[in-house]
Amino acid sequence: MDSLLGLLRIRVKRGLNLAVRDVRSSDPYVVVKMGKQIINAPITRSDENHEIEVEGIKETEKAKENCTKPIRKDIPQTSIVSYLVAISLVSMVEMYVPVAPYVLFGSRLLQKLKTRVIRKDVNPEWNEDLTLSISDPNLPIKLTVYDHDTFTKDDKMGDAEFDIKALVEAMRMDLHGLPSGVTVTRVEPSRQNCLAEASCIKCTDRKVSQDLCLRLRNVECGEVELSLHWVDLPATKAL
């Protein structure tokens, strides 16, 4: 079983020249998925923009059988799912992450997060943070853009994949003494990735971040700009 390493905060910045799926425009939103991880730790959920699949059972069904914590009404719910290392850490992690009504152990999880819908815009600006819990940094992360429809199934507007291997490797480097804002490394576009241009990994105030521009696949046009930031949690396994 894997232990929680930390959180990956994905800033979904904007879409560029996205495909038209309605008469003249689209109502796009972004869905981010991370493949199933087996984690020997409790699981908590947050808001309606999160969907957790626990070995094929939706989290709302499983929650009825595993309700161990009252809902925190005093903390605003945010787009984050956290896997806590042990039940005794719940109170401590609540200082950082709002936790919601139940805890599960040793489950196989598929994390799925989404942005809000932006109406009638093929160059939308979301500037929205989505946060994944990471136990296996080798797993790819899939991003899909959809066009929201009221009465029919939402149309796909392309997809892309990215990984955080280069980001993790940069964080393992000795970055002490580097000037703030320096580029630590670059990832070049290739047939093996979805990058539209070179991706820079930078160190600012001893914190590592990565900017990406992803070219969408399975669609006639469109790109999505992201930035990645790592968040350490107390009592988690170091990278």
C-alpha atoms as a PDB file:
ATOM      1  CA  MET A   1       0.000   0.000   0.000  1.00  0.00           C
ATOM      2  CA  ASP A   2       1.187   3.478  -0.779  1.00  0.00           C
ATOM      3  CA  SER A   3       1.284   6.394   1.658  1.00  0.00           C
ATOM      4  CA  LEU A   4       0.252   9.932   0.938  1.00  0.00           C
ATOM      5  CA  LEU A   5       3.144  12.037  -0.363  1.00  0.00           C
ATOM      6  CA  GLY A   6       1.367  15.397  -0.542  1.00  0.00           C
ATOM      7  CA  LEU A   7      -1.078  17.443  -2.592  1.00  0.00           C
ATOM      8  CA  LEU A   8      -0.809  18.698  -6.144  1.00  0.00           C
ATOM      9  CA  ARG A   9      -2.549  22.007  -6.694  1.00  0.00           C
ATOM     10  CA  ILE A  10      -3.442  22.488 -10.357  1.00  0.00           C
ATOM     11  CA  ARG A  11      -4.253  26.042 -11.389  1.00  0.00           C
ATOM     12  CA  VAL A  12      -6.432  25.783 -14.502  1.00  0.00           C
ATOM     13  CA  LYS A  13      -5.684  29.141 -16.085  1.00  0.00           C
ATOM     14  CA  ARG A  14      -7.416  29.394 -19.436  1.00  0.00           C
ATOM     15  CA  GLY A  15      -8.364  27.747 -22.703  1.00  0.00           C
ATOM     16  CA  LEU A  16      -7.141  28.948 -26.082  1.00  0.00           C
ATOM     17  CA  ASN A  17      -9.032  28.600 -29.362  1.00  0.00           C
ATOM     18  CA  LEU A  18     -11.265  25.818 -28.083  1.00  0.00           C
ATOM     19  CA  ALA A  19     -13.581  23.997 -30.470  1.00  0.00           C
ATOM     20  CA  VAL A  20     -17.084  25.279 -31.209  1.00  0.00           C
ATOM     21  CA  ARG A  21     -19.747  22.789 -30.140  1.00  0.00           C
ATOM     22  CA  ASP A  22     -22.874  24.977 -30.116  1.00  0.00           C
ATOM     23  CA  VAL A  23     -24.050  27.178 -32.983  1.00  0.00           C
ATOM     24  CA  ARG A  24     -21.357  29.829 -32.644  1.00  0.00           C
ATOM     25  CA  SER A  25     -19.540  29.118 -29.409  1.00  0.00           C
ATOM     26  CA  SER A  26     -19.252  26.656 -26.505  1.00  0.00           C
ATOM     27  CA  ASP A  27     -19.857  26.517 -22.747  1.00  0.00           C
ATOM     28  CA  PRO A  28     -16.590  24.862 -21.656  1.00  0.00           C
ATOM     29  CA  TYR A  29     -15.458  23.344 -18.398  1.00  0.00           C
ATOM     30  CA  VAL A  30     -12.460  21.197 -17.515  1.00  0.00           C
ATOM     31  CA  VAL A  31     -12.423  17.783 -15.822  1.00  0.00           C
ATOM     32  CA  VAL A  32      -9.185  16.483 -14.278  1.00  0.00           C
ATOM     33  CA  LYS A  33      -8.817  12.782 -13.443  1.00  0.00           C
ATOM     34  CA  MET A  34      -6.060  10.818 -11.793  1.00  0.00           C
ATOM     35  CA  GLY A  35      -5.865   7.050 -12.195  1.00  0.00           C
ATOM     36  CA  LYS A  36      -6.722   4.687  -9.397  1.00  0.00           C
ATOM     37  CA  GLN A  37      -4.305   4.688  -6.468  1.00  0.00           C
ATOM     38  CA  ILE A  38      -4.340   2.164  -3.639  1.00  0.00           C
ATOM     39  CA  ILE A  39      -3.811   4.116  -0.446  1.00  0.00           C
ATOM     40  CA  ASN A  40      -3.593   2.716   3.068  1.00  0.00           C
ATOM     41  CA  ALA A  41      -5.124   5.784   4.675  1.00  0.00           C
ATOM     42  CA  PRO A  42      -8.468   7.336   5.493  1.00  0.00           C
ATOM     43  CA  ILE A  43     -10.374   9.207   2.786  1.00  0.00           C
ATOM     44  CA  THR A  44     -12.412  12.377   3.106  1.00  0.00           C
ATOM     45  CA  ARG A  45     -14.548  14.220   0.580  1.00  0.00           C
ATOM     46  CA  SER A  46     -15.427  17.862   0.121  1.00  0.00           C
ATOM     47  CA  ASP A  47     -17.777  19.501  -2.384  1.00  0.00           C
ATOM     48  CA  GLU A  48     -19.922  18.650  -5.373  1.00  0.00           C
ATOM     49  CA  ASN A  49     -17.036  19.315  -7.771  1.00  0.00           C
ATOM     50  CA  HIS A  50     -15.342  16.168  -6.475  1.00  0.00           C
ATOM     51  CA  GLU A  51     -16.235  12.626  -7.363  1.00  0.00           C
ATOM     52  CA  ILE A  52     -14.488   9.687  -5.743  1.00  0.00           C
ATOM     53  CA  GLU A  53     -14.913   6.178  -7.069  1.00  0.00           C
ATOM     54  CA  VAL A  54     -14.114   3.604  -4.388  1.00  0.00           C
ATOM     55  CA  GLU A  55     -13.644   0.241  -6.065  1.00  0.00           C
ATOM     56  CA  GLY A  56     -16.573   0.964  -8.358  1.00  0.00           C
ATOM     57  CA  ILE A  57     -18.895   2.337  -5.647  1.00  0.00           C
ATOM     58  CA  LYS A  58     -19.752   6.020  -5.709  1.00  0.00           C
ATOM     59  CA  GLU A  59     -18.697   7.884  -2.583  1.00  0.00           C
ATOM     60  CA  THR A  60     -22.241   8.989  -1.739  1.00  0.00           C
ATOM     61  CA  GLU A  61     -23.337   5.363  -1.380  1.00  0.00           C
ATOM     62  CA  LYS A  62     -20.284   4.361   0.648  1.00  0.00           C
ATOM     63  CA  ALA A  63     -20.694   7.362   2.929  1.00  0.00           C
ATOM     64  CA  LYS A  64     -23.955   5.986   4.342  1.00  0.00           C
ATOM     65  CA  GLU A  65     -22.057   2.995   5.713  1.00  0.00           C
ATOM     66  CA  ASN A  66     -18.963   4.854   6.918  1.00  0.00           C
ATOM     67  CA  CYS A  67     -20.126   8.082   8.496  1.00  0.00           C
ATOM     68  CA  THR A  68     -17.585   8.759  11.237  1.00  0.00           C
ATOM     69  CA  LYS A  69     -17.312  12.567  11.339  1.00  0.00           C
ATOM     70  CA  PRO A  70     -19.873  15.373  11.489  1.00  0.00           C
ATOM     71  CA  ILE A  71     -19.852  17.839   8.601  1.00  0.00           C
ATOM     72  CA  ARG A  72     -17.846  20.936   9.451  1.00  0.00           C
ATOM     73  CA  LYS A  73     -20.227  23.852   8.936  1.00  0.00           C
ATOM     74  CA  ASP A  74     -17.734  26.488  10.038  1.00  0.00           C
ATOM     75  CA  ILE A  75     -15.156  25.916   7.250  1.00  0.00           C
ATOM     76  CA  PRO A  76     -15.928  26.783   3.601  1.00  0.00           C
ATOM     77  CA  GLN A  77     -15.826  23.693   1.392  1.00  0.00           C
ATOM     78  CA  THR A  78     -13.075  23.798  -1.231  1.00  0.00           C
ATOM     79  CA  SER A  79     -12.157  21.688  -4.259  1.00  0.00           C
ATOM     80  CA  ILE A  80      -9.881  19.236  -2.465  1.00  0.00           C
ATOM     81  CA  VAL A  81      -9.808  15.577  -1.519  1.00  0.00           C
ATOM     82  CA  SER A  82      -7.322  14.578   1.192  1.00  0.00           C
ATOM     83  CA  TYR A  83      -6.104  11.165   2.243  1.00  0.00           C
ATOM     84  CA  LEU A  84      -5.137  11.325   5.890  1.00  0.00           C
ATOM     85  CA  VAL A  85      -2.257   9.229   7.118  1.00  0.00           C
ATOM     86  CA  ALA A  86      -4.043   8.061  10.271  1.00  0.00           C
ATOM     87  CA  ILE A  87      -7.315   8.753  11.993  1.00  0.00           C
ATOM     88  CA  SER A  88      -5.485  10.586  14.787  1.00  0.00           C
ATOM     89  CA  LEU A  89      -4.327  13.170  12.229  1.00  0.00           C
ATOM     90  CA  VAL A  90      -7.829  14.237  11.226  1.00  0.00           C
ATOM     91  CA  SER A  91      -8.014  17.150  13.651  1.00  0.00           C
ATOM     92  CA  MET A  92      -4.542  18.379  12.693  1.00  0.00           C
ATOM     93  CA  VAL A  93      -5.179  18.209   8.955  1.00  0.00           C
ATOM     94  CA  GLU A  94      -8.469  20.063   9.397  1.00  0.00           C
ATOM     95  CA  MET A  95      -6.356  23.129  10.047  1.00  0.00           C
ATOM     96  CA  TYR A  96      -5.252  22.901   6.414  1.00  0.00           C
ATOM     97  CA  VAL A  97      -8.079  21.043   4.649  1.00  0.00           C
ATOM     98  CA  PRO A  98     -11.804  20.999   5.382  1.00  0.00           C
ATOM     99  CA  VAL A  99     -12.845  17.415   5.959  1.00  0.00           C
ATOM    100  CA  ALA A 100     -16.304  16.064   5.379  1.00  0.00           C
ATOM    101  CA  PRO A 101     -18.470  13.318   6.646  1.00  0.00           C
ATOM    102  CA  TYR A 102     -16.743   9.938   6.474  1.00  0.00           C
ATOM    103  CA  VAL A 103     -13.498   7.981   6.503  1.00  0.00           C
ATOM    104  CA  LEU A 104     -12.540   4.835   4.595  1.00  0.00           C
ATOM    105  CA  PHE A 105      -9.372   2.735   4.707  1.00  0.00           C
ATOM    106  CA  GLY A 106      -7.207   0.949   2.144  1.00  0.00           C
ATOM    107  CA  SER A 107      -9.350   1.800  -0.874  1.00  0.00           C
ATOM    108  CA  ARG A 108      -8.665   1.970  -4.594  1.00  0.00           C
ATOM    109  CA  LEU A 109      -9.503   5.515  -5.663  1.00  0.00           C
ATOM    110  CA  LEU A 110     -10.191   7.443  -8.831  1.00  0.00           C
ATOM    111  CA  GLN A 111     -10.073  11.192  -8.240  1.00  0.00           C
ATOM    112  CA  LYS A 112     -12.163  13.389 -10.508  1.00  0.00           C
ATOM    113  CA  LEU A 113     -12.364  17.182 -10.253  1.00  0.00           C
ATOM    114  CA  LYS A 114     -13.924  19.862 -12.410  1.00  0.00           C
ATOM    115  CA  THR A 115     -13.957  23.600 -12.934  1.00  0.00           C
ATOM    116  CA  ARG A 116     -17.003  25.806 -13.257  1.00  0.00           C
ATOM    117  CA  VAL A 117     -18.696  26.265 -16.629  1.00  0.00           C
ATOM    118  CA  ILE A 118     -17.948  29.456 -18.579  1.00  0.00           C
ATOM    119  CA  ARG A 119     -20.742  30.432 -20.928  1.00  0.00           C
ATOM    120  CA  LYS A 120     -20.304  31.152 -24.624  1.00  0.00           C
ATOM    121  CA  ASP A 121     -16.521  31.506 -24.726  1.00  0.00           C
ATOM    122  CA  VAL A 122     -13.933  29.513 -26.694  1.00  0.00           C
ATOM    123  CA  ASN A 123     -11.113  31.427 -24.959  1.00  0.00           C
ATOM    124  CA  PRO A 124     -12.285  31.022 -21.352  1.00  0.00           C
ATOM    125  CA  GLU A 125     -10.344  32.127 -18.280  1.00  0.00           C
ATOM    126  CA  TRP A 126     -11.012  29.891 -15.282  1.00  0.00           C
ATOM    127  CA  ASN A 127      -8.082  30.754 -12.989  1.00  0.00           C
ATOM    128  CA  GLU A 128      -9.341  28.014 -10.712  1.00  0.00           C
ATOM    129  CA  ASP A 129      -7.448  25.674  -8.382  1.00  0.00           C
ATOM    130  CA  LEU A 130      -8.105  21.928  -8.346  1.00  0.00           C
ATOM    131  CA  THR A 131      -6.199  19.803  -5.846  1.00  0.00           C
ATOM    132  CA  LEU A 132      -5.278  16.120  -6.064  1.00  0.00           C
ATOM    133  CA  SER A 133      -3.901  13.870  -3.338  1.00  0.00           C
ATOM    134  CA  ILE A 134      -0.756  12.118  -4.565  1.00  0.00           C
ATOM    135  CA  SER A 135       0.556   8.752  -3.444  1.00  0.00           C
ATOM    136  CA  ASP A 136       2.067   7.605  -6.743  1.00  0.00           C
ATOM    137  CA  PRO A 137       3.774  10.446  -8.671  1.00  0.00           C
ATOM    138  CA  ASN A 138       4.312   8.147 -11.670  1.00  0.00           C
ATOM    139  CA  LEU A 139       0.624   7.997 -12.563  1.00  0.00           C
ATOM    140  CA  PRO A 140      -0.468  10.267 -15.437  1.00  0.00           C
ATOM    141  CA  ILE A 141      -3.173  12.885 -14.971  1.00  0.00           C
ATOM    142  CA  LYS A 142      -5.852  13.248 -17.632  1.00  0.00           C
ATOM    143  CA  LEU A 143      -7.535  16.519 -18.517  1.00  0.00           C
ATOM    144  CA  THR A 144     -10.716  16.655 -20.616  1.00  0.00           C
ATOM    145  CA  VAL A 145     -12.626  19.717 -21.815  1.00  0.00           C
ATOM    146  CA  TYR A 146     -16.409  19.454 -22.155  1.00  0.00           C
ATOM    147  CA  ASP A 147     -19.139  21.660 -23.565  1.00  0.00           C
ATOM    148  CA  HIS A 148     -21.991  21.942 -21.092  1.00  0.00           C
ATOM    149  CA  ASP A 149     -25.438  21.150 -22.495  1.00  0.00           C
ATOM    150  CA  THR A 150     -28.687  21.614 -20.594  1.00  0.00           C
ATOM    151  CA  PHE A 151     -30.863  18.954 -22.182  1.00  0.00           C
ATOM    152  CA  THR A 152     -28.375  16.547 -23.786  1.00  0.00           C
ATOM    153  CA  LYS A 153     -25.130  14.828 -22.819  1.00  0.00           C
ATOM    154  CA  ASP A 154     -22.155  17.178 -22.560  1.00  0.00           C
ATOM    155  CA  ASP A 155     -19.948  17.130 -25.666  1.00  0.00           C
ATOM    156  CA  LYS A 156     -16.221  16.423 -25.465  1.00  0.00           C
ATOM    157  CA  MET A 157     -13.936  19.202 -26.681  1.00  0.00           C
ATOM    158  CA  GLY A 158     -10.647  17.305 -26.543  1.00  0.00           C
ATOM    159  CA  ASP A 159      -8.344  15.804 -23.936  1.00  0.00           C
ATOM    160  CA  ALA A 160      -4.696  15.714 -22.901  1.00  0.00           C
ATOM    161  CA  GLU A 161      -2.440  13.906 -20.439  1.00  0.00           C
ATOM    162  CA  PHE A 162       0.467  15.121 -18.348  1.00  0.00           C
ATOM    163  CA  ASP A 163       2.626  13.750 -15.546  1.00  0.00           C
ATOM    164  CA  ILE A 164       4.531  15.243 -12.624  1.00  0.00           C
ATOM    165  CA  LYS A 165       7.751  13.231 -12.876  1.00  0.00           C
ATOM    166  CA  ALA A 166       9.863  16.252 -13.842  1.00  0.00           C
ATOM    167  CA  LEU A 167       8.289  18.349 -11.085  1.00  0.00           C
ATOM    168  CA  VAL A 168       9.030  15.674  -8.486  1.00  0.00           C
ATOM    169  CA  GLU A 169      12.619  15.296  -9.702  1.00  0.00           C
ATOM    170  CA  ALA A 170      13.121  19.066  -9.426  1.00  0.00           C
ATOM    171  CA  MET A 171      11.835  19.025  -5.853  1.00  0.00           C
ATOM    172  CA  ARG A 172      14.381  16.359  -4.962  1.00  0.00           C
ATOM    173  CA  MET A 173      17.250  18.604  -6.089  1.00  0.00           C
ATOM    174  CA  ASP A 174      19.291  20.741  -3.725  1.00  0.00           C
ATOM    175  CA  LEU A 175      17.821  24.166  -4.546  1.00  0.00           C
ATOM    176  CA  HIS A 176      19.354  26.101  -1.660  1.00  0.00           C
ATOM    177  CA  GLY A 177      21.042  29.316  -2.749  1.00  0.00           C
ATOM    178  CA  LEU A 178      19.262  29.598  -6.099  1.00  0.00           C
ATOM    179  CA  PRO A 179      17.882  33.058  -6.937  1.00  0.00           C
ATOM    180  CA  SER A 180      14.107  33.357  -6.781  1.00  0.00           C
ATOM    181  CA  GLY A 181      12.363  32.758 -10.099  1.00  0.00           C
ATOM    182  CA  VAL A 182      15.208  30.770 -11.669  1.00  0.00           C
ATOM    183  CA  THR A 183      14.317  28.034 -14.178  1.00  0.00           C
ATOM    184  CA  VAL A 184      15.450  24.701 -12.733  1.00  0.00           C
ATOM    185  CA  THR A 185      14.698  22.579 -15.796  1.00  0.00           C
ATOM    186  CA  ARG A 186      12.594  22.471 -18.953  1.00  0.00           C
ATOM    187  CA  VAL A 187      10.461  19.772 -20.531  1.00  0.00           C
ATOM    188  CA  GLU A 188      10.378  19.951 -24.315  1.00  0.00           C
ATOM    189  CA  PRO A 189       7.360  19.019 -26.493  1.00  0.00           C
ATOM    190  CA  SER A 190       7.579  15.551 -28.024  1.00  0.00           C
ATOM    191  CA  ARG A 191       5.485  12.730 -29.436  1.00  0.00           C
ATOM    192  CA  GLN A 192       5.379  11.283 -25.924  1.00  0.00           C
ATOM    193  CA  ASN A 193       3.625  14.261 -24.333  1.00  0.00           C
ATOM    194  CA  CYS A 194       0.845  16.763 -25.056  1.00  0.00           C
ATOM    195  CA  LEU A 195       2.910  19.917 -24.619  1.00  0.00           C
ATOM    196  CA  ALA A 196       2.249  22.707 -27.108  1.00  0.00           C
ATOM    197  CA  GLU A 197       5.484  24.442 -26.072  1.00  0.00           C
ATOM    198  CA  ALA A 198       8.402  23.958 -23.679  1.00  0.00           C
ATOM    199  CA  SER A 199       7.324  23.667 -20.028  1.00  0.00           C
ATOM    200  CA  CYS A 200       9.456  25.518 -17.458  1.00  0.00           C
ATOM    201  CA  ILE A 201       9.917  24.329 -13.884  1.00  0.00           C
ATOM    202  CA  LYS A 202      10.909  27.230 -11.641  1.00  0.00           C
ATOM    203  CA  CYS A 203      11.992  27.733  -8.056  1.00  0.00           C
ATOM    204  CA  THR A 204      10.536  30.767  -6.284  1.00  0.00           C
ATOM    205  CA  ASP A 205      11.212  31.287  -2.572  1.00  0.00           C
ATOM    206  CA  ARG A 206      12.321  27.631  -2.371  1.00  0.00           C
ATOM    207  CA  LYS A 207       8.985  26.450  -3.777  1.00  0.00           C
ATOM    208  CA  VAL A 208       8.874  24.611  -7.097  1.00  0.00           C
ATOM    209  CA  SER A 209       6.173  25.197  -9.725  1.00  0.00           C
ATOM    210  CA  GLN A 210       5.627  24.170 -13.341  1.00  0.00           C
ATOM    211  CA  ASP A 211       3.788  25.961 -16.148  1.00  0.00           C
ATOM    212  CA  LEU A 212       2.229  23.879 -18.935  1.00  0.00           C
ATOM    213  CA  CYS A 213       0.425  24.611 -22.168  1.00  0.00           C
ATOM    214  CA  LEU A 214      -1.329  21.425 -23.304  1.00  0.00           C
ATOM    215  CA  ARG A 215      -2.482  20.813 -26.877  1.00  0.00           C
ATOM    216  CA  LEU A 216      -5.796  18.969 -26.813  1.00  0.00           C
ATOM    217  CA  ARG A 217      -6.125  15.646 -28.638  1.00  0.00           C
ATOM    218  CA  ASN A 218      -9.078  14.113 -30.456  1.00  0.00           C
ATOM    219  CA  VAL A 219     -10.395  17.519 -31.497  1.00  0.00           C
ATOM    220  CA  GLU A 220      -9.832  19.972 -34.314  1.00  0.00           C
ATOM    221  CA  CYS A 221      -8.224  22.702 -32.175  1.00  0.00           C
ATOM    222  CA  GLY A 222      -7.645  23.948 -28.656  1.00  0.00           C
ATOM    223  CA  GLU A 223      -5.074  24.360 -25.886  1.00  0.00           C
ATOM    224  CA  VAL A 224      -5.289  24.653 -22.097  1.00  0.00           C
ATOM    225  CA  GLU A 225      -2.816  26.477 -19.849  1.00  0.00           C
ATOM    226  CA  LEU A 226      -2.049  25.142 -16.362  1.00  0.00           C
ATOM    227  CA  SER A 227       0.364  25.706 -13.518  1.00  0.00           C
ATOM    228  CA  LEU A 228       1.318  23.011 -10.986  1.00  0.00           C
ATOM    229  CA  HIS A 229       2.247  23.596  -7.341  1.00  0.00           C
ATOM    230  CA  TRP A 230       3.179  21.014  -4.715  1.00  0.00           C
ATOM    231  CA  VAL A 231       1.708  21.246  -1.200  1.00  0.00           C
ATOM    232  CA  ASP A 232       3.343  19.383   1.703  1.00  0.00           C
ATOM    233  CA  LEU A 233       1.145  18.088   4.512  1.00  0.00           C
ATOM    234  CA  PRO A 234       2.217  17.354   8.092  1.00  0.00           C
ATOM    235  CA  ALA A 235       3.258  13.786   8.923  1.00  0.00           C
ATOM    236  CA  THR A 236       3.263  12.640   5.295  1.00  0.00           C
ATOM    237  CA  LYS A 237       6.062  10.645   3.696  1.00  0.00           C
ATOM    238  CA  ALA A 238       8.774  12.872   2.210  1.00  0.00           C
ATOM    239  CA  LEU A 239       9.419  12.796  -1.532  1.00  0.00           C
END
